[in-house]
Amino acid sequence: MTKRCELTGKSPLKGHKVSHANNKVKRKFYPNLKKVSFKSIKLKRNVVLNVSNAALRSVDFKGGLDFFLKNAKAVRLSQKAKKLKKKIISIS
């Protein structure tokens, strides 16, 4: 399982852990991912996606998964999300 958000495309960043003595050690900053079950109104089923907390808030703000995917750029979406987007647009 990749540590990548399926809706926004957020992935781990590289950086340094810096101690008080200014010693630098390489580390990764992982996105806050959660496995969430969304309810799709147009598809009439639940969809489970691995999304970041920020994406979850964005979906709520847009008014649901269907509205979010309709306006989302396909470059950022995972393969699973792209298929869902095509199905939602074809039903509309």
PDB file of N, CA and C in Angstrom:
ATOM      1  N   MET A   1       0.846  -1.177   0.000  1.00  0.00           N
ATOM      2  CA  MET A   1       0.000   0.000   0.000  1.00  0.00           C
ATOM      3  C   MET A   1       0.892   1.241   0.000  1.00  0.00           C
ATOM      4  N   THR A   2       0.688   2.117  -0.970  1.00  0.00           N
ATOM      5  CA  THR A   2       1.476   3.337  -1.032  1.00  0.00           C
ATOM      6  C   THR A   2       0.927   4.365  -0.061  1.00  0.00           C
ATOM      7  N   LYS A   3       1.791   5.199   0.424  1.00  0.00           N
ATOM      8  CA  LYS A   3       1.386   6.247   1.352  1.00  0.00           C
ATOM      9  C   LYS A   3       1.089   7.497   0.542  1.00  0.00           C
ATOM     10  N   ARG A   4       0.008   7.418  -0.244  1.00  0.00           N
ATOM     11  CA  ARG A   4      -0.371   8.500  -1.141  1.00  0.00           C
ATOM     12  C   ARG A   4      -1.882   8.679  -1.080  1.00  0.00           C
ATOM     13  N   CYS A   5      -2.323   9.919  -1.010  1.00  0.00           N
ATOM     14  CA  CYS A   5      -3.746  10.220  -0.970  1.00  0.00           C
ATOM     15  C   CYS A   5      -4.352   9.953  -2.349  1.00  0.00           C
ATOM     16  N   GLU A   6      -5.495   9.268  -2.377  1.00  0.00           N
ATOM     17  CA  GLU A   6      -6.113   8.904  -3.652  1.00  0.00           C
ATOM     18  C   GLU A   6      -6.885  10.061  -4.286  1.00  0.00           C
ATOM     19  N   LEU A   7      -7.190  11.102  -3.534  1.00  0.00           N
ATOM     20  CA  LEU A   7      -7.961  12.221  -4.079  1.00  0.00           C
ATOM     21  C   LEU A   7      -7.108  13.446  -4.391  1.00  0.00           C
ATOM     22  N   THR A   8      -6.143  13.762  -3.537  1.00  0.00           N
ATOM     23  CA  THR A   8      -5.341  14.965  -3.755  1.00  0.00           C
ATOM     24  C   THR A   8      -3.948  14.666  -4.269  1.00  0.00           C
ATOM     25  N   GLY A   9      -3.502  13.417  -4.174  1.00  0.00           N
ATOM     26  CA  GLY A   9      -2.175  13.059  -4.667  1.00  0.00           C
ATOM     27  C   GLY A   9      -1.053  13.410  -3.709  1.00  0.00           C
ATOM     28  N   LYS A  10      -1.369  13.770  -2.472  1.00  0.00           N
ATOM     29  CA  LYS A  10      -0.323  14.090  -1.503  1.00  0.00           C
ATOM     30  C   LYS A  10       0.510  12.848  -1.233  1.00  0.00           C
ATOM     31  N   SER A  11       1.844  13.017  -1.241  1.00  0.00           N
ATOM     32  CA  SER A  11       2.751  11.909  -1.009  1.00  0.00           C
ATOM     33  C   SER A  11       3.799  12.338   0.023  1.00  0.00           C
ATOM     34  N   PRO A  12       4.617  11.407   0.517  1.00  0.00           N
ATOM     35  CA  PRO A  12       5.613  11.770   1.524  1.00  0.00           C
ATOM     36  C   PRO A  12       6.630  12.785   1.005  1.00  0.00           C
ATOM     37  N   LEU A  13       7.061  13.675   1.907  1.00  0.00           N
ATOM     38  CA  LEU A  13       8.098  14.654   1.604  1.00  0.00           C
ATOM     39  C   LEU A  13       9.379  14.239   2.315  1.00  0.00           C
ATOM     40  N   LYS A  14      10.529  14.628   1.760  1.00  0.00           N
ATOM     41  CA  LYS A  14      11.815  14.334   2.377  1.00  0.00           C
ATOM     42  C   LYS A  14      12.326  15.582   3.078  1.00  0.00           C
ATOM     43  N   GLY A  15      13.035  15.351   4.181  1.00  0.00           N
ATOM     44  CA  GLY A  15      13.583  16.475   4.913  1.00  0.00           C
ATOM     45  C   GLY A  15      14.579  16.005   5.947  1.00  0.00           C
ATOM     46  N   HIS A  16      14.872  16.879   6.899  1.00  0.00           N
ATOM     47  CA  HIS A  16      15.815  16.570   7.966  1.00  0.00           C
ATOM     48  C   HIS A  16      15.159  16.700   9.325  1.00  0.00           C
ATOM     49  N   LYS A  17      15.549  15.797  10.227  1.00  0.00           N
ATOM     50  CA  LYS A  17      15.223  15.949  11.631  1.00  0.00           C
ATOM     51  C   LYS A  17      16.411  16.697  12.229  1.00  0.00           C
ATOM     52  N   VAL A  18      16.160  17.859  12.820  1.00  0.00           N
ATOM     53  CA  VAL A  18      17.246  18.695  13.320  1.00  0.00           C
ATOM     54  C   VAL A  18      17.214  18.689  14.843  1.00  0.00           C
ATOM     55  N   SER A  19      18.319  18.286  15.443  1.00  0.00           N
ATOM     56  CA  SER A  19      18.408  18.234  16.898  1.00  0.00           C
ATOM     57  C   SER A  19      18.750  19.614  17.450  1.00  0.00           C
ATOM     58  N   HIS A  20      18.754  19.711  18.774  1.00  0.00           N
ATOM     59  CA  HIS A  20      19.107  20.968  19.438  1.00  0.00           C
ATOM     60  C   HIS A  20      20.551  21.356  19.118  1.00  0.00           C
ATOM     61  N   ALA A  21      21.414  20.359  18.905  1.00  0.00           N
ATOM     62  CA  ALA A  21      22.810  20.608  18.559  1.00  0.00           C
ATOM     63  C   ALA A  21      22.997  20.837  17.059  1.00  0.00           C
ATOM     64  N   ASN A  22      21.890  20.961  16.342  1.00  0.00           N
ATOM     65  CA  ASN A  22      21.863  21.231  14.897  1.00  0.00           C
ATOM     66  C   ASN A  22      22.408  20.057  14.076  1.00  0.00           C
ATOM     67  N   ASN A  23      22.301  18.828  14.606  1.00  0.00           N
ATOM     68  CA  ASN A  23      22.638  17.639  13.829  1.00  0.00           C
ATOM     69  C   ASN A  23      21.458  17.321  12.922  1.00  0.00           C
ATOM     70  N   LYS A  24      21.752  17.005  11.664  1.00  0.00           N
ATOM     71  CA  LYS A  24      20.682  16.749  10.704  1.00  0.00           C
ATOM     72  C   LYS A  24      20.667  15.279  10.315  1.00  0.00           C
ATOM     73  N   VAL A  25      19.488  14.657  10.437  1.00  0.00           N
ATOM     74  CA  VAL A  25      19.291  13.256  10.090  1.00  0.00           C
ATOM     75  C   VAL A  25      18.126  13.192   9.113  1.00  0.00           C
ATOM     76  N   LYS A  26      18.298  12.445   8.022  1.00  0.00           N
ATOM     77  CA  LYS A  26      17.243  12.368   7.008  1.00  0.00           C
ATOM     78  C   LYS A  26      16.000  11.674   7.559  1.00  0.00           C
ATOM     79  N   ARG A  27      14.835  12.156   7.144  1.00  0.00           N
ATOM     80  CA  ARG A  27      13.573  11.555   7.557  1.00  0.00           C
ATOM     81  C   ARG A  27      12.515  11.851   6.500  1.00  0.00           C
ATOM     82  N   LYS A  28      11.354  11.230   6.642  1.00  0.00           N
ATOM     83  CA  LYS A  28      10.234  11.472   5.731  1.00  0.00           C
ATOM     84  C   LYS A  28       9.069  12.035   6.519  1.00  0.00           C
ATOM     85  N   PHE A  29       8.349  12.946   5.885  1.00  0.00           N
ATOM     86  CA  PHE A  29       7.130  13.505   6.455  1.00  0.00           C
ATOM     87  C   PHE A  29       5.960  12.872   5.708  1.00  0.00           C
ATOM     88  N   TYR A  30       5.213  11.996   6.392  1.00  0.00           N
ATOM     89  CA  TYR A  30       4.113  11.283   5.763  1.00  0.00           C
ATOM     90  C   TYR A  30       2.809  12.063   5.896  1.00  0.00           C
ATOM     91  N   PRO A  31       1.948  12.014   4.877  1.00  0.00           N
ATOM     92  CA  PRO A  31       0.633  12.662   5.003  1.00  0.00           C
ATOM     93  C   PRO A  31      -0.247  11.893   5.985  1.00  0.00           C
ATOM     94  N   ASN A  32      -1.189  12.588   6.580  1.00  0.00           N
ATOM     95  CA  ASN A  32      -2.099  11.995   7.558  1.00  0.00           C
ATOM     96  C   ASN A  32      -3.195  11.242   6.802  1.00  0.00           C
ATOM     97  N   LEU A  33      -2.962   9.949   6.531  1.00  0.00           N
ATOM     98  CA  LEU A  33      -3.885   9.148   5.722  1.00  0.00           C
ATOM     99  C   LEU A  33      -4.854   8.362   6.580  1.00  0.00           C
ATOM    100  N   LYS A  34      -6.089   8.232   6.065  1.00  0.00           N
ATOM    101  CA  LYS A  34      -7.124   7.454   6.727  1.00  0.00           C
ATOM    102  C   LYS A  34      -7.895   6.683   5.673  1.00  0.00           C
ATOM    103  N   LYS A  35      -8.349   5.504   6.028  1.00  0.00           N
ATOM    104  CA  LYS A  35      -9.202   4.714   5.140  1.00  0.00           C
ATOM    105  C   LYS A  35     -10.638   5.110   5.441  1.00  0.00           C
ATOM    106  N   VAL A  36     -11.295   5.751   4.470  1.00  0.00           N
ATOM    107  CA  VAL A  36     -12.616   6.327   4.694  1.00  0.00           C
ATOM    108  C   VAL A  36     -13.612   5.743   3.705  1.00  0.00           C
ATOM    109  N   SER A  37     -14.824   5.494   4.183  1.00  0.00           N
ATOM    110  CA  SER A  37     -15.905   5.015   3.337  1.00  0.00           C
ATOM    111  C   SER A  37     -16.805   6.199   2.979  1.00  0.00           C
ATOM    112  N   PHE A  38     -16.829   6.559   1.696  1.00  0.00           N
ATOM    113  CA  PHE A  38     -17.670   7.648   1.209  1.00  0.00           C
ATOM    114  C   PHE A  38     -18.944   7.079   0.609  1.00  0.00           C
ATOM    115  N   LYS A  39     -20.030   7.816   0.719  1.00  0.00           N
ATOM    116  CA  LYS A  39     -21.285   7.401   0.114  1.00  0.00           C
ATOM    117  C   LYS A  39     -21.480   8.201  -1.178  1.00  0.00           C
ATOM    118  N   SER A  40     -21.536   7.505  -2.304  1.00  0.00           N
ATOM    119  CA  SER A  40     -21.764   8.142  -3.596  1.00  0.00           C
ATOM    120  C   SER A  40     -23.258   8.109  -3.899  1.00  0.00           C
ATOM    121  N   ILE A  41     -23.827   9.278  -4.088  1.00  0.00           N
ATOM    122  CA  ILE A  41     -25.266   9.389  -4.333  1.00  0.00           C
ATOM    123  C   ILE A  41     -25.613   8.899  -5.736  1.00  0.00           C
ATOM    124  N   LYS A  42     -24.801   9.288  -6.712  1.00  0.00           N
ATOM    125  CA  LYS A  42     -25.096   8.927  -8.100  1.00  0.00           C
ATOM    126  C   LYS A  42     -24.828   7.453  -8.393  1.00  0.00           C
ATOM    127  N   LEU A  43     -23.781   6.885  -7.779  1.00  0.00           N
ATOM    128  CA  LEU A  43     -23.479   5.469  -7.999  1.00  0.00           C
ATOM    129  C   LEU A  43     -24.300   4.558  -7.097  1.00  0.00           C
ATOM    130  N   LYS A  44     -24.926   5.148  -6.072  1.00  0.00           N
ATOM    131  CA  LYS A  44     -25.782   4.425  -5.120  1.00  0.00           C
ATOM    132  C   LYS A  44     -25.030   3.292  -4.427  1.00  0.00           C
ATOM    133  N   ARG A  45     -23.801   3.599  -3.967  1.00  0.00           N
ATOM    134  CA  ARG A  45     -23.004   2.628  -3.215  1.00  0.00           C
ATOM    135  C   ARG A  45     -21.935   3.355  -2.412  1.00  0.00           C
ATOM    136  N   ASN A  46     -21.329   2.613  -1.495  1.00  0.00           N
ATOM    137  CA  ASN A  46     -20.241   3.153  -0.697  1.00  0.00           C
ATOM    138  C   ASN A  46     -18.911   2.872  -1.389  1.00  0.00           C
ATOM    139  N   VAL A  47     -17.982   3.819  -1.264  1.00  0.00           N
ATOM    140  CA  VAL A  47     -16.667   3.693  -1.875  1.00  0.00           C
ATOM    141  C   VAL A  47     -15.625   3.890  -0.779  1.00  0.00           C
ATOM    142  N   VAL A  48     -14.675   2.956  -0.660  1.00  0.00           N
ATOM    143  CA  VAL A  48     -13.613   3.061   0.339  1.00  0.00           C
ATOM    144  C   VAL A  48     -12.352   3.576  -0.338  1.00  0.00           C
ATOM    145  N   LEU A  49     -11.834   4.713   0.173  1.00  0.00           N
ATOM    146  CA  LEU A  49     -10.628   5.315  -0.376  1.00  0.00           C
ATOM    147  C   LEU A  49      -9.648   5.622   0.742  1.00  0.00           C
ATOM    148  N   ASN A  50      -8.360   5.642   0.400  1.00  0.00           N
ATOM    149  CA  ASN A  50      -7.300   5.992   1.332  1.00  0.00           C
ATOM    150  C   ASN A  50      -6.977   7.468   1.108  1.00  0.00           C
ATOM    151  N   VAL A  51      -7.474   8.351   1.993  1.00  0.00           N
ATOM    152  CA  VAL A  51      -7.354   9.795   1.770  1.00  0.00           C
ATOM    153  C   VAL A  51      -6.699  10.487   2.954  1.00  0.00           C
ATOM    154  N   SER A  52      -6.156  11.667   2.685  1.00  0.00           N
ATOM    155  CA  SER A  52      -5.569  12.478   3.739  1.00  0.00           C
ATOM    156  C   SER A  52      -6.675  13.224   4.478  1.00  0.00           C
ATOM    157  N   ASN A  53      -6.337  13.714   5.654  1.00  0.00           N
ATOM    158  CA  ASN A  53      -7.310  14.445   6.455  1.00  0.00           C
ATOM    159  C   ASN A  53      -7.730  15.732   5.734  1.00  0.00           C
ATOM    160  N   ALA A  54      -6.793  16.372   5.034  1.00  0.00           N
ATOM    161  CA  ALA A  54      -7.101  17.586   4.283  1.00  0.00           C
ATOM    162  C   ALA A  54      -8.090  17.294   3.149  1.00  0.00           C
ATOM    163  N   ALA A  55      -7.926  16.159   2.480  1.00  0.00           N
ATOM    164  CA  ALA A  55      -8.839  15.780   1.399  1.00  0.00           C
ATOM    165  C   ALA A  55     -10.227  15.482   1.942  1.00  0.00           C
ATOM    166  N   LEU A  56     -10.286  14.883   3.107  1.00  0.00           N
ATOM    167  CA  LEU A  56     -11.566  14.590   3.749  1.00  0.00           C
ATOM    168  C   LEU A  56     -12.330  15.878   4.031  1.00  0.00           C
ATOM    169  N   ARG A  57     -11.627  16.885   4.505  1.00  0.00           N
ATOM    170  CA  ARG A  57     -12.249  18.187   4.762  1.00  0.00           C
ATOM    171  C   ARG A  57     -12.694  18.846   3.459  1.00  0.00           C
ATOM    172  N   SER A  58     -11.904  18.685   2.394  1.00  0.00           N
ATOM    173  CA  SER A  58     -12.261  19.260   1.093  1.00  0.00           C
ATOM    174  C   SER A  58     -13.518  18.612   0.523  1.00  0.00           C
ATOM    175  N   VAL A  59     -13.638  17.298   0.682  1.00  0.00           N
ATOM    176  CA  VAL A  59     -14.821  16.582   0.197  1.00  0.00           C
ATOM    177  C   VAL A  59     -16.059  17.076   0.936  1.00  0.00           C
ATOM    178  N   ASP A  60     -15.945  17.259   2.243  1.00  0.00           N
ATOM    179  CA  ASP A  60     -17.071  17.788   3.021  1.00  0.00           C
ATOM    180  C   ASP A  60     -17.437  19.199   2.569  1.00  0.00           C
ATOM    181  N   PHE A  61     -16.436  20.013   2.295  1.00  0.00           N
ATOM    182  CA  PHE A  61     -16.667  21.398   1.880  1.00  0.00           C
ATOM    183  C   PHE A  61     -17.356  21.479   0.517  1.00  0.00           C
ATOM    184  N   LYS A  62     -16.956  20.599  -0.405  1.00  0.00           N
ATOM    185  CA  LYS A  62     -17.529  20.605  -1.757  1.00  0.00           C
ATOM    186  C   LYS A  62     -18.946  20.045  -1.793  1.00  0.00           C
ATOM    187  N   GLY A  63     -19.344  19.296  -0.767  1.00  0.00           N
ATOM    188  CA  GLY A  63     -20.704  18.783  -0.724  1.00  0.00           C
ATOM    189  C   GLY A  63     -20.832  17.302  -0.998  1.00  0.00           C
ATOM    190  N   GLY A  64     -19.739  16.562  -0.932  1.00  0.00           N
ATOM    191  CA  GLY A  64     -19.799  15.124  -1.130  1.00  0.00           C
ATOM    192  C   GLY A  64     -18.794  14.649  -2.167  1.00  0.00           C
ATOM    193  N   LEU A  65     -18.637  13.344  -2.244  1.00  0.00           N
ATOM    194  CA  LEU A  65     -17.657  12.742  -3.140  1.00  0.00           C
ATOM    195  C   LEU A  65     -17.973  13.019  -4.606  1.00  0.00           C
ATOM    196  N   ASP A  66     -19.248  12.964  -4.974  1.00  0.00           N
ATOM    197  CA  ASP A  66     -19.626  13.163  -6.378  1.00  0.00           C
ATOM    198  C   ASP A  66     -19.238  14.556  -6.874  1.00  0.00           C
ATOM    199  N   PHE A  67     -19.519  15.577  -6.076  1.00  0.00           N
ATOM    200  CA  PHE A  67     -19.198  16.947  -6.470  1.00  0.00           C
ATOM    201  C   PHE A  67     -17.688  17.182  -6.479  1.00  0.00           C
ATOM    202  N   PHE A  68     -16.984  16.574  -5.519  1.00  0.00           N
ATOM    203  CA  PHE A  68     -15.528  16.731  -5.466  1.00  0.00           C
ATOM    204  C   PHE A  68     -14.873  16.127  -6.703  1.00  0.00           C
ATOM    205  N   LEU A  69     -15.250  14.885  -7.040  1.00  0.00           N
ATOM    206  CA  LEU A  69     -14.629  14.207  -8.183  1.00  0.00           C
ATOM    207  C   LEU A  69     -14.982  14.871  -9.503  1.00  0.00           C
ATOM    208  N   LYS A  70     -16.178  15.434  -9.597  1.00  0.00           N
ATOM    209  CA  LYS A  70     -16.594  16.090 -10.836  1.00  0.00           C
ATOM    210  C   LYS A  70     -15.685  17.269 -11.174  1.00  0.00           C
ATOM    211  N   ASN A  71     -15.228  17.995 -10.145  1.00  0.00           N
ATOM    212  CA  ASN A  71     -14.403  19.193 -10.359  1.00  0.00           C
ATOM    213  C   ASN A  71     -12.908  18.946 -10.189  1.00  0.00           C
ATOM    214  N   ALA A  72     -12.499  17.745  -9.756  1.00  0.00           N
ATOM    215  CA  ALA A  72     -11.085  17.459  -9.484  1.00  0.00           C
ATOM    216  C   ALA A  72     -10.313  17.238 -10.785  1.00  0.00           C
ATOM    217  N   LYS A  73      -9.035  17.615 -10.763  1.00  0.00           N
ATOM    218  CA  LYS A  73      -8.154  17.383 -11.910  1.00  0.00           C
ATOM    219  C   LYS A  73      -7.743  15.915 -11.927  1.00  0.00           C
ATOM    220  N   ALA A  74      -7.757  15.310 -13.096  1.00  0.00           N
ATOM    221  CA  ALA A  74      -7.474  13.880 -13.233  1.00  0.00           C
ATOM    222  C   ALA A  74      -6.016  13.553 -12.942  1.00  0.00           C
ATOM    223  N   VAL A  75      -5.126  14.529 -13.057  1.00  0.00           N
ATOM    224  CA  VAL A  75      -3.699  14.283 -12.829  1.00  0.00           C
ATOM    225  C   VAL A  75      -3.438  13.894 -11.386  1.00  0.00           C
ATOM    226  N   ARG A  76      -4.165  14.487 -10.443  1.00  0.00           N
ATOM    227  CA  ARG A  76      -3.944  14.232  -9.025  1.00  0.00           C
ATOM    228  C   ARG A  76      -4.592  12.936  -8.538  1.00  0.00           C
ATOM    229  N   LEU A  77      -5.611  12.450  -9.233  1.00  0.00           N
ATOM    230  CA  LEU A  77      -6.385  11.304  -8.764  1.00  0.00           C
ATOM    231  C   LEU A  77      -5.669   9.988  -9.006  1.00  0.00           C
ATOM    232  N   SER A  78      -5.967   8.984  -8.181  1.00  0.00           N
ATOM    233  CA  SER A  78      -5.455   7.630  -8.383  1.00  0.00           C
ATOM    234  C   SER A  78      -6.280   6.954  -9.482  1.00  0.00           C
ATOM    235  N   GLN A  79      -5.849   5.771  -9.895  1.00  0.00           N
ATOM    236  CA  GLN A  79      -6.567   5.039 -10.945  1.00  0.00           C
ATOM    237  C   GLN A  79      -7.992   4.714 -10.518  1.00  0.00           C
ATOM    238  N   LYS A  80      -8.162   4.323  -9.257  1.00  0.00           N
ATOM    239  CA  LYS A  80      -9.486   3.992  -8.729  1.00  0.00           C
ATOM    240  C   LYS A  80     -10.396   5.223  -8.751  1.00  0.00           C
ATOM    241  N   ALA A  81      -9.847   6.369  -8.355  1.00  0.00           N
ATOM    242  CA  ALA A  81     -10.629   7.601  -8.329  1.00  0.00           C
ATOM    243  C   ALA A  81     -10.968   8.076  -9.753  1.00  0.00           C
ATOM    244  N   LYS A  82     -10.051   7.851 -10.701  1.00  0.00           N
ATOM    245  CA  LYS A  82     -10.326   8.229 -12.096  1.00  0.00           C
ATOM    246  C   LYS A  82     -11.483   7.424 -12.670  1.00  0.00           C
ATOM    247  N   LYS A  83     -11.532   6.124 -12.342  1.00  0.00           N
ATOM    248  CA  LYS A  83     -12.640   5.282 -12.807  1.00  0.00           C
ATOM    249  C   LYS A  83     -13.960   5.749 -12.211  1.00  0.00           C
ATOM    250  N   LEU A  84     -13.931   6.104 -10.923  1.00  0.00           N
ATOM    251  CA  LEU A  84     -15.144   6.614 -10.274  1.00  0.00           C
ATOM    252  C   LEU A  84     -15.602   7.914 -10.924  1.00  0.00           C
ATOM    253  N   LYS A  85     -14.646   8.773 -11.244  1.00  0.00           N
ATOM    254  CA  LYS A  85     -14.972  10.054 -11.877  1.00  0.00           C
ATOM    255  C   LYS A  85     -15.648   9.837 -13.233  1.00  0.00           C
ATOM    256  N   LYS A  86     -15.128   8.899 -14.020  1.00  0.00           N
ATOM    257  CA  LYS A  86     -15.724   8.608 -15.325  1.00  0.00           C
ATOM    258  C   LYS A  86     -17.150   8.088 -15.179  1.00  0.00           C
ATOM    259  N   LYS A  87     -17.368   7.204 -14.202  1.00  0.00           N
ATOM    260  CA  LYS A  87     -18.712   6.663 -13.978  1.00  0.00           C
ATOM    261  C   LYS A  87     -19.684   7.753 -13.557  1.00  0.00           C
ATOM    262  N   ILE A  88     -19.237   8.636 -12.677  1.00  0.00           N
ATOM    263  CA  ILE A  88     -20.104   9.712 -12.178  1.00  0.00           C
ATOM    264  C   ILE A  88     -20.458  10.669 -13.305  1.00  0.00           C
ATOM    265  N   ILE A  89     -19.485  11.013 -14.133  1.00  0.00           N
ATOM    266  CA  ILE A  89     -19.747  11.934 -15.256  1.00  0.00           C
ATOM    267  C   ILE A  89     -20.665  11.281 -16.286  1.00  0.00           C
ATOM    268  N   SER A  90     -20.494   9.981 -16.541  1.00  0.00           N
ATOM    269  CA  SER A  90     -21.329   9.303 -17.535  1.00  0.00           C
ATOM    270  C   SER A  90     -22.796   9.205 -17.071  1.00  0.00           C
ATOM    271  N   ILE A  91     -23.018   9.086 -15.745  1.00  0.00           N
ATOM    272  CA  ILE A  91     -24.374   9.015 -15.220  1.00  0.00           C
ATOM    273  C   ILE A  91     -25.069  10.369 -15.302  1.00  0.00           C
ATOM    274  N   SER A  92     -24.297  11.447 -15.095  1.00  0.00           N
ATOM    275  CA  SER A  92     -24.876  12.794 -15.070  1.00  0.00           C
ATOM    276  C   SER A  92     -25.524  13.181 -16.375  1.00  0.00           C
TER     277      SER A  92
END
